[in-house]
C-alpha cells in the first residue's frame, strides 16, 4: 500500500508539470497558487468547451481530484511528511484545472522496454509505469501565435520553474522525434526524501503540441534507467484520432 501511495504521489507531480506546461496552473512566488487558463487560449478548455464530452471530462476530473486527496491522506496515515510547497500545490488543484488538462486525443505508439505496463489515465493519451518510473504522453492544441517547438519549450520551462521553485533545471536542447524537430529539458526535485528526475519532450504535429514526459528516481541505477526511459521517449509516434 505504501509503495502504491508513493507511486501515486510521483504521478501527481508529473500531472502538476502537465498543468504547468498547458498554462493551467502557476505559482507567482508571492501569494501562492493561481489559475492561468488564459495562457492556453484553447477553444476546448473546461470553461469554453460545450459538447457531449463535458460530463465525461468532469467525471474524470472529479475522480482524479479524489485520488489526489486520498493519496495525501494515506501519506499522513503512514506518518510521511510531504514538503509544504508540494502539499499546497496538490491540495490547491481543483476540478476545473483537471478538466482543462484533459488531452486533445491522439493515438500513441511507443516501444516499451520489458517490465513496463500501460495504465489507464484520465488526463493523458498514454501512460505506462515500471515500479517508481513513469512515462506519459499528452496533447493539446498549439496556442495561437506559437510556431516553433523549441521556443514553446523555453516558455514551458519558465512556467515549470514557477511551479517547482525548489527544483534544479537543465537547459533546453533540440531533439529529433516522430519525424520532426522538438526540444527537451529536465528537472531534479526532492519528493518524500527521494530525488526524482522529470524529463520533458515537446514537439508540434498536426496542429497539436505533443508532450512526452518520463520520470525516475535518482538512485544507484539512475544512469541505466535514464537511458532506457529516454530511448522509449524518443520512440514515441502519435496520430490524431
C-alpha atoms as a PDB file:
ATOM      1  CA  UNK A   1       0.000   0.000   0.000  1.00  0.00           C
ATOM      2  CA  UNK A   2       2.795   2.418   0.877  1.00  0.00           C
ATOM      3  CA  UNK A   3       4.614   1.729  -2.389  1.00  0.00           C
ATOM      4  CA  UNK A   4       1.418   2.327  -4.362  1.00  0.00           C
ATOM      5  CA  UNK A   5       0.766   5.567  -2.492  1.00  0.00           C
ATOM      6  CA  UNK A   6       4.273   6.841  -3.180  1.00  0.00           C
ATOM      7  CA  UNK A   7       3.839   5.967  -6.848  1.00  0.00           C
ATOM      8  CA  UNK A   8       0.575   7.929  -6.915  1.00  0.00           C
ATOM      9  CA  UNK A   9       2.275  10.998  -5.449  1.00  0.00           C
ATOM     10  CA  UNK A  10       5.076  10.787  -8.020  1.00  0.00           C
ATOM     11  CA  UNK A  11       2.473  10.514 -10.783  1.00  0.00           C
ATOM     12  CA  UNK A  12       0.707  13.556  -9.345  1.00  0.00           C
ATOM     13  CA  UNK A  13       3.943  15.510  -9.590  1.00  0.00           C
ATOM     14  CA  UNK A  14       4.006  14.577 -13.266  1.00  0.00           C
ATOM     15  CA  UNK A  15       0.467  15.911 -13.570  1.00  0.00           C
ATOM     16  CA  UNK A  16       1.486  19.217 -11.993  1.00  0.00           C
ATOM     17  CA  UNK A  17       4.093  19.587 -14.695  1.00  0.00           C
ATOM     18  CA  UNK A  18       1.459  18.843 -17.346  1.00  0.00           C
ATOM     19  CA  UNK A  19      -0.766  21.548 -15.879  1.00  0.00           C
ATOM     20  CA  UNK A  20       2.157  23.960 -15.881  1.00  0.00           C
ATOM     21  CA  UNK A  21       3.073  23.166 -19.480  1.00  0.00           C
ATOM     22  CA  UNK A  22      -0.540  23.771 -20.513  1.00  0.00           C
ATOM     23  CA  UNK A  23      -0.521  27.101 -18.685  1.00  0.00           C
ATOM     24  CA  UNK A  24      -3.318  25.986 -16.381  1.00  0.00           C
ATOM     25  CA  UNK A  25      -1.583  26.352 -13.041  1.00  0.00           C
ATOM     26  CA  UNK A  26       1.245  28.581 -11.852  1.00  0.00           C
ATOM     27  CA  UNK A  27       2.763  29.963  -8.678  1.00  0.00           C
ATOM     28  CA  UNK A  28       3.702  33.627  -8.674  1.00  0.00           C
ATOM     29  CA  UNK A  29       6.022  33.318  -5.656  1.00  0.00           C
ATOM     30  CA  UNK A  30       4.185  35.836  -3.507  1.00  0.00           C
ATOM     31  CA  UNK A  31       0.591  34.875  -2.932  1.00  0.00           C
ATOM     32  CA  UNK A  32       0.579  31.172  -3.740  1.00  0.00           C
ATOM     33  CA  UNK A  33      -1.152  29.241  -6.472  1.00  0.00           C
ATOM     34  CA  UNK A  34      -3.387  30.885  -9.041  1.00  0.00           C
ATOM     35  CA  UNK A  35      -5.145  29.813 -12.200  1.00  0.00           C
ATOM     36  CA  UNK A  36      -3.807  30.835 -15.606  1.00  0.00           C
ATOM     37  CA  UNK A  37      -6.068  29.136 -18.138  1.00  0.00           C
ATOM     38  CA  UNK A  38      -5.852  32.235 -20.337  1.00  0.00           C
ATOM     39  CA  UNK A  39      -2.264  31.304 -21.157  1.00  0.00           C
ATOM     40  CA  UNK A  40      -3.505  28.316 -23.115  1.00  0.00           C
ATOM     41  CA  UNK A  41      -6.169  30.130 -25.153  1.00  0.00           C
ATOM     42  CA  UNK A  42      -7.631  26.830 -26.311  1.00  0.00           C
ATOM     43  CA  UNK A  43     -11.130  26.531 -27.711  1.00  0.00           C
ATOM     44  CA  UNK A  44     -11.696  23.327 -25.767  1.00  0.00           C
ATOM     45  CA  UNK A  45     -10.732  24.233 -22.203  1.00  0.00           C
ATOM     46  CA  UNK A  46     -13.164  23.293 -19.446  1.00  0.00           C
ATOM     47  CA  UNK A  47     -14.520  26.855 -19.348  1.00  0.00           C
ATOM     48  CA  UNK A  48     -15.364  27.060 -23.046  1.00  0.00           C
ATOM     49  CA  UNK A  49     -15.958  23.614 -24.475  1.00  0.00           C
ATOM     50  CA  UNK A  50     -19.678  22.865 -24.657  1.00  0.00           C
ATOM     51  CA  UNK A  51     -20.216  19.423 -26.158  1.00  0.00           C
ATOM     52  CA  UNK A  52     -21.210  15.876 -25.290  1.00  0.00           C
ATOM     53  CA  UNK A  53     -17.841  15.140 -23.681  1.00  0.00           C
ATOM     54  CA  UNK A  54     -18.339  17.735 -20.944  1.00  0.00           C
ATOM     55  CA  UNK A  55     -19.920  15.438 -18.380  1.00  0.00           C
ATOM     56  CA  UNK A  56     -17.330  12.732 -19.027  1.00  0.00           C
ATOM     57  CA  UNK A  57     -14.436  15.152 -18.595  1.00  0.00           C
ATOM     58  CA  UNK A  58     -15.912  16.500 -15.383  1.00  0.00           C
ATOM     59  CA  UNK A  59     -16.388  12.986 -14.036  1.00  0.00           C
ATOM     60  CA  UNK A  60     -12.788  12.068 -14.858  1.00  0.00           C
ATOM     61  CA  UNK A  61     -11.544  15.255 -13.230  1.00  0.00           C
ATOM     62  CA  UNK A  62     -13.570  14.644 -10.075  1.00  0.00           C
ATOM     63  CA  UNK A  63     -12.187  11.096  -9.835  1.00  0.00           C
ATOM     64  CA  UNK A  64      -8.633  12.393 -10.193  1.00  0.00           C
ATOM     65  CA  UNK A  65      -9.204  15.061  -7.540  1.00  0.00           C
ATOM     66  CA  UNK A  66     -10.475  12.352  -5.178  1.00  0.00           C
ATOM     67  CA  UNK A  67      -7.346  10.308  -5.898  1.00  0.00           C
ATOM     68  CA  UNK A  68      -5.140  13.282  -5.017  1.00  0.00           C
ATOM     69  CA  UNK A  69      -6.904  13.826  -1.700  1.00  0.00           C
ATOM     70  CA  UNK A  70      -6.790  10.111  -0.829  1.00  0.00           C
ATOM     71  CA  UNK A  71      -3.065   9.923  -1.600  1.00  0.00           C
ATOM     72  CA  UNK A  72      -2.329  12.833   0.725  1.00  0.00           C
ATOM     73  CA  UNK A  73      -4.482  11.270   3.461  1.00  0.00           C
ATOM     74  CA  UNK A  74      -2.670   7.940   3.069  1.00  0.00           C
ATOM     75  CA  UNK A  75       0.726   9.601   3.386  1.00  0.00           C
ATOM     76  CA  UNK A  76      -0.424  11.326   6.560  1.00  0.00           C
ATOM     77  CA  UNK A  77      -1.647   7.975   7.931  1.00  0.00           C
ATOM     78  CA  UNK A  78       1.782   6.475   7.238  1.00  0.00           C
ATOM     79  CA  UNK A  79       3.420   9.356   9.107  1.00  0.00           C
ATOM     80  CA  UNK A  80       5.228  10.599   5.993  1.00  0.00           C
ATOM     81  CA  UNK A  81       5.802  14.341   5.851  1.00  0.00           C
ATOM     82  CA  UNK A  82       5.228  15.964   2.482  1.00  0.00           C
ATOM     83  CA  UNK A  83       7.118  19.111   1.525  1.00  0.00           C
ATOM     84  CA  UNK A  84       4.874  22.075   2.394  1.00  0.00           C
ATOM     85  CA  UNK A  85       5.117  23.627  -1.083  1.00  0.00           C
ATOM     86  CA  UNK A  86       4.285  20.328  -2.777  1.00  0.00           C
ATOM     87  CA  UNK A  87       1.397  19.684  -0.389  1.00  0.00           C
ATOM     88  CA  UNK A  88      -0.037  23.146  -1.069  1.00  0.00           C
ATOM     89  CA  UNK A  89       0.160  22.586  -4.824  1.00  0.00           C
ATOM     90  CA  UNK A  90      -1.559  19.203  -4.601  1.00  0.00           C
ATOM     91  CA  UNK A  91      -4.292  20.456  -2.284  1.00  0.00           C
ATOM     92  CA  UNK A  92      -4.976  23.528  -4.431  1.00  0.00           C
ATOM     93  CA  UNK A  93      -5.567  21.605  -7.652  1.00  0.00           C
ATOM     94  CA  UNK A  94      -9.285  21.817  -8.349  1.00  0.00           C
ATOM     95  CA  UNK A  95     -11.683  20.088 -10.711  1.00  0.00           C
ATOM     96  CA  UNK A  96     -11.583  22.937 -13.254  1.00  0.00           C
ATOM     97  CA  UNK A  97      -7.800  22.584 -13.508  1.00  0.00           C
ATOM     98  CA  UNK A  98      -8.111  18.876 -14.173  1.00  0.00           C
ATOM     99  CA  UNK A  99     -10.875  19.332 -16.745  1.00  0.00           C
ATOM    100  CA  UNK A 100      -8.722  21.855 -18.624  1.00  0.00           C
ATOM    101  CA  UNK A 101      -5.822  19.404 -18.649  1.00  0.00           C
ATOM    102  CA  UNK A 102      -7.800  16.644 -20.386  1.00  0.00           C
ATOM    103  CA  UNK A 103      -5.904  15.725 -23.529  1.00  0.00           C
ATOM    104  CA  UNK A 104      -6.861  16.643 -27.089  1.00  0.00           C
ATOM    105  CA  UNK A 105      -6.764  12.939 -28.004  1.00  0.00           C
ATOM    106  CA  UNK A 106      -4.158  11.142 -30.138  1.00  0.00           C
ATOM    107  CA  UNK A 107      -3.212   7.540 -30.829  1.00  0.00           C
ATOM    108  CA  UNK A 108       0.208   6.761 -29.361  1.00  0.00           C
ATOM    109  CA  UNK A 109       2.706   4.063 -30.285  1.00  0.00           C
ATOM    110  CA  UNK A 110       5.847   3.529 -28.212  1.00  0.00           C
ATOM    111  CA  UNK A 111       8.485   0.810 -27.895  1.00  0.00           C
ATOM    112  CA  UNK A 112       8.192  -0.130 -24.216  1.00  0.00           C
ATOM    113  CA  UNK A 113      11.041  -1.962 -22.501  1.00  0.00           C
ATOM    114  CA  UNK A 114      10.497  -5.150 -20.507  1.00  0.00           C
ATOM    115  CA  UNK A 115       8.764  -4.640 -17.177  1.00  0.00           C
ATOM    116  CA  UNK A 116       6.705  -1.632 -18.250  1.00  0.00           C
ATOM    117  CA  UNK A 117       2.917  -1.806 -18.095  1.00  0.00           C
ATOM    118  CA  UNK A 118       0.387   0.585 -19.593  1.00  0.00           C
ATOM    119  CA  UNK A 119      -2.178   2.233 -17.324  1.00  0.00           C
ATOM    120  CA  UNK A 120      -5.489   3.982 -17.838  1.00  0.00           C
ATOM    121  CA  UNK A 121      -5.300   7.750 -17.424  1.00  0.00           C
ATOM    122  CA  UNK A 122      -7.991  10.418 -17.319  1.00  0.00           C
ATOM    123  CA  UNK A 123      -5.651  13.235 -18.228  1.00  0.00           C
ATOM    124  CA  UNK A 124      -3.222  11.846 -20.817  1.00  0.00           C
ATOM    125  CA  UNK A 125      -3.229   9.984 -24.127  1.00  0.00           C
ATOM    126  CA  UNK A 126      -0.819   7.334 -22.869  1.00  0.00           C
ATOM    127  CA  UNK A 127       0.727   6.335 -19.569  1.00  0.00           C
ATOM    128  CA  UNK A 128       2.985   3.458 -18.521  1.00  0.00           C
ATOM    129  CA  UNK A 129       4.764   2.615 -15.294  1.00  0.00           C
ATOM    130  CA  UNK A 130       7.551   0.373 -14.057  1.00  0.00           C
ATOM    131  CA  UNK A 131       7.866   0.434 -10.275  1.00  0.00           C
ATOM    132  CA  UNK A 132       8.522   4.133  -9.444  1.00  0.00           C
ATOM    133  CA  UNK A 133       9.239   5.204 -13.036  1.00  0.00           C
ATOM    134  CA  UNK A 134       6.619   6.682 -15.365  1.00  0.00           C
ATOM    135  CA  UNK A 135       6.136   7.699 -18.982  1.00  0.00           C
ATOM    136  CA  UNK A 136       3.222   9.858 -20.087  1.00  0.00           C
ATOM    137  CA  UNK A 137       2.155  11.380 -23.413  1.00  0.00           C
ATOM    138  CA  UNK A 138      -0.267  14.301 -23.546  1.00  0.00           C
ATOM    139  CA  UNK A 139      -1.532  16.541 -26.336  1.00  0.00           C
ATOM    140  CA  UNK A 140      -3.201  19.900 -26.665  1.00  0.00           C
ATOM    141  CA  UNK A 141      -3.834  22.341 -29.470  1.00  0.00           C
ATOM    142  CA  UNK A 142      -0.957  24.627 -30.391  1.00  0.00           C
ATOM    143  CA  UNK A 143      -1.672  28.004 -28.733  1.00  0.00           C
ATOM    144  CA  UNK A 144      -2.285  30.929 -31.117  1.00  0.00           C
ATOM    145  CA  UNK A 145       0.935  32.574 -32.258  1.00  0.00           C
ATOM    146  CA  UNK A 146       3.181  29.625 -31.390  1.00  0.00           C
ATOM    147  CA  UNK A 147       5.173  28.482 -34.423  1.00  0.00           C
ATOM    148  CA  UNK A 148       8.365  26.970 -33.029  1.00  0.00           C
ATOM    149  CA  UNK A 149       8.534  23.959 -30.694  1.00  0.00           C
ATOM    150  CA  UNK A 150      11.897  24.953 -29.265  1.00  0.00           C
ATOM    151  CA  UNK A 151      10.702  28.422 -28.301  1.00  0.00           C
ATOM    152  CA  UNK A 152       7.499  26.903 -26.910  1.00  0.00           C
ATOM    153  CA  UNK A 153       9.627  24.573 -24.770  1.00  0.00           C
ATOM    154  CA  UNK A 154      11.629  27.512 -23.433  1.00  0.00           C
ATOM    155  CA  UNK A 155       8.382  29.163 -22.344  1.00  0.00           C
ATOM    156  CA  UNK A 156       7.197  25.893 -20.793  1.00  0.00           C
ATOM    157  CA  UNK A 157      10.471  25.660 -18.877  1.00  0.00           C
ATOM    158  CA  UNK A 158       9.969  29.118 -17.391  1.00  0.00           C
ATOM    159  CA  UNK A 159       6.386  28.288 -16.359  1.00  0.00           C
ATOM    160  CA  UNK A 160       7.503  24.998 -14.810  1.00  0.00           C
ATOM    161  CA  UNK A 161      10.178  26.842 -12.832  1.00  0.00           C
ATOM    162  CA  UNK A 162       7.362  28.824 -11.246  1.00  0.00           C
ATOM    163  CA  UNK A 163       5.650  25.619 -10.113  1.00  0.00           C
ATOM    164  CA  UNK A 164       8.745  23.752  -8.904  1.00  0.00           C
ATOM    165  CA  UNK A 165      10.758  26.630  -7.475  1.00  0.00           C
ATOM    166  CA  UNK A 166      12.976  24.329  -5.387  1.00  0.00           C
ATOM    167  CA  UNK A 167      13.980  22.093  -8.335  1.00  0.00           C
ATOM    168  CA  UNK A 168      17.195  22.129 -10.362  1.00  0.00           C
ATOM    169  CA  UNK A 169      16.690  22.599 -14.115  1.00  0.00           C
ATOM    170  CA  UNK A 170      18.681  21.782 -17.241  1.00  0.00           C
ATOM    171  CA  UNK A 171      18.904  23.920 -20.354  1.00  0.00           C
ATOM    172  CA  UNK A 172      16.609  23.410 -23.361  1.00  0.00           C
ATOM    173  CA  UNK A 173      18.107  21.168 -26.064  1.00  0.00           C
ATOM    174  CA  UNK A 174      16.959  20.349 -29.601  1.00  0.00           C
ATOM    175  CA  UNK A 175      15.886  16.747 -30.328  1.00  0.00           C
ATOM    176  CA  UNK A 176      14.621  14.658 -33.250  1.00  0.00           C
ATOM    177  CA  UNK A 177      11.356  12.825 -32.535  1.00  0.00           C
ATOM    178  CA  UNK A 178       8.446  11.397 -34.528  1.00  0.00           C
ATOM    179  CA  UNK A 179       9.882  12.626 -37.835  1.00  0.00           C
ATOM    180  CA  UNK A 180      10.199  16.239 -36.727  1.00  0.00           C
ATOM    181  CA  UNK A 181      12.205  18.627 -34.558  1.00  0.00           C
ATOM    182  CA  UNK A 182      11.396  19.081 -30.904  1.00  0.00           C
ATOM    183  CA  UNK A 183      13.073  20.116 -27.680  1.00  0.00           C
ATOM    184  CA  UNK A 184      13.782  18.696 -24.229  1.00  0.00           C
ATOM    185  CA  UNK A 185      14.692  19.745 -20.719  1.00  0.00           C
ATOM    186  CA  UNK A 186      14.726  18.020 -17.363  1.00  0.00           C
ATOM    187  CA  UNK A 187      14.415  18.891 -13.701  1.00  0.00           C
ATOM    188  CA  UNK A 188      15.506  17.194 -10.482  1.00  0.00           C
ATOM    189  CA  UNK A 189      13.211  17.592  -7.491  1.00  0.00           C
ATOM    190  CA  UNK A 190      13.203  16.201  -3.954  1.00  0.00           C
ATOM    191  CA  UNK A 191       9.977  14.318  -3.181  1.00  0.00           C
ATOM    192  CA  UNK A 192       9.426  12.426   0.069  1.00  0.00           C
ATOM    193  CA  UNK A 193      13.163  12.173   0.687  1.00  0.00           C
ATOM    194  CA  UNK A 194      13.890  10.926  -2.844  1.00  0.00           C
ATOM    195  CA  UNK A 195      15.221  12.845  -5.849  1.00  0.00           C
ATOM    196  CA  UNK A 196      13.052  12.422  -8.928  1.00  0.00           C
ATOM    197  CA  UNK A 197      14.186  13.383 -12.424  1.00  0.00           C
ATOM    198  CA  UNK A 198      11.419  14.588 -14.725  1.00  0.00           C
ATOM    199  CA  UNK A 199      12.245  14.712 -18.448  1.00  0.00           C
ATOM    200  CA  UNK A 200      10.117  16.723 -20.882  1.00  0.00           C
ATOM    201  CA  UNK A 201       9.970  16.466 -24.679  1.00  0.00           C
ATOM    202  CA  UNK A 202       7.806  18.884 -26.687  1.00  0.00           C
ATOM    203  CA  UNK A 203       7.084  18.870 -30.401  1.00  0.00           C
ATOM    204  CA  UNK A 204       4.420  20.091 -32.834  1.00  0.00           C
ATOM    205  CA  UNK A 205       2.409  17.747 -35.069  1.00  0.00           C
ATOM    206  CA  UNK A 206      -0.938  18.024 -36.876  1.00  0.00           C
ATOM    207  CA  UNK A 207      -1.796  21.281 -35.129  1.00  0.00           C
ATOM    208  CA  UNK A 208      -1.071  19.829 -31.686  1.00  0.00           C
ATOM    209  CA  UNK A 209       1.597  20.235 -29.049  1.00  0.00           C
ATOM    210  CA  UNK A 210       2.773  16.775 -28.016  1.00  0.00           C
ATOM    211  CA  UNK A 211       4.434  16.456 -24.607  1.00  0.00           C
ATOM    212  CA  UNK A 212       6.288  13.270 -23.735  1.00  0.00           C
ATOM    213  CA  UNK A 213       7.319  13.054 -20.098  1.00  0.00           C
ATOM    214  CA  UNK A 214       9.424  10.482 -18.288  1.00  0.00           C
ATOM    215  CA  UNK A 215      10.275  10.271 -14.593  1.00  0.00           C
ATOM    216  CA  UNK A 216      12.528   8.083 -12.499  1.00  0.00           C
ATOM    217  CA  UNK A 217      14.241   8.113  -9.106  1.00  0.00           C
ATOM    218  CA  UNK A 218      17.881   9.172  -8.917  1.00  0.00           C
ATOM    219  CA  UNK A 219      19.355   6.102  -7.220  1.00  0.00           C
ATOM    220  CA  UNK A 220      22.271   3.737  -7.902  1.00  0.00           C
ATOM    221  CA  UNK A 221      20.589   2.579 -11.140  1.00  0.00           C
ATOM    222  CA  UNK A 222      19.747   6.082 -12.340  1.00  0.00           C
ATOM    223  CA  UNK A 223      22.081   6.144 -15.362  1.00  0.00           C
ATOM    224  CA  UNK A 224      20.686   2.921 -16.815  1.00  0.00           C
ATOM    225  CA  UNK A 225      17.088   3.877 -16.022  1.00  0.00           C
ATOM    226  CA  UNK A 226      17.521   7.312 -17.555  1.00  0.00           C
ATOM    227  CA  UNK A 227      18.981   5.890 -20.771  1.00  0.00           C
ATOM    228  CA  UNK A 228      16.153   3.341 -21.017  1.00  0.00           C
ATOM    229  CA  UNK A 229      13.443   5.937 -20.463  1.00  0.00           C
ATOM    230  CA  UNK A 230      14.855   8.407 -22.979  1.00  0.00           C
ATOM    231  CA  UNK A 231      15.156   5.623 -25.573  1.00  0.00           C
ATOM    232  CA  UNK A 232      11.460   4.842 -25.088  1.00  0.00           C
ATOM    233  CA  UNK A 233      10.520   8.523 -25.165  1.00  0.00           C
ATOM    234  CA  UNK A 234      12.335   9.010 -28.473  1.00  0.00           C
ATOM    235  CA  UNK A 235      10.399   6.069 -29.960  1.00  0.00           C
ATOM    236  CA  UNK A 236       7.028   7.822 -29.471  1.00  0.00           C
ATOM    237  CA  UNK A 237       4.854   8.343 -32.532  1.00  0.00           C
ATOM    238  CA  UNK A 238       1.399   9.920 -32.481  1.00  0.00           C
ATOM    239  CA  UNK A 239      -1.520  10.149 -34.883  1.00  0.00           C
ATOM    240  CA  UNK A 240      -4.573  12.353 -34.496  1.00  0.00           C
ATOM    241  CA  UNK A 241      -7.787  10.420 -33.876  1.00  0.00           C
END
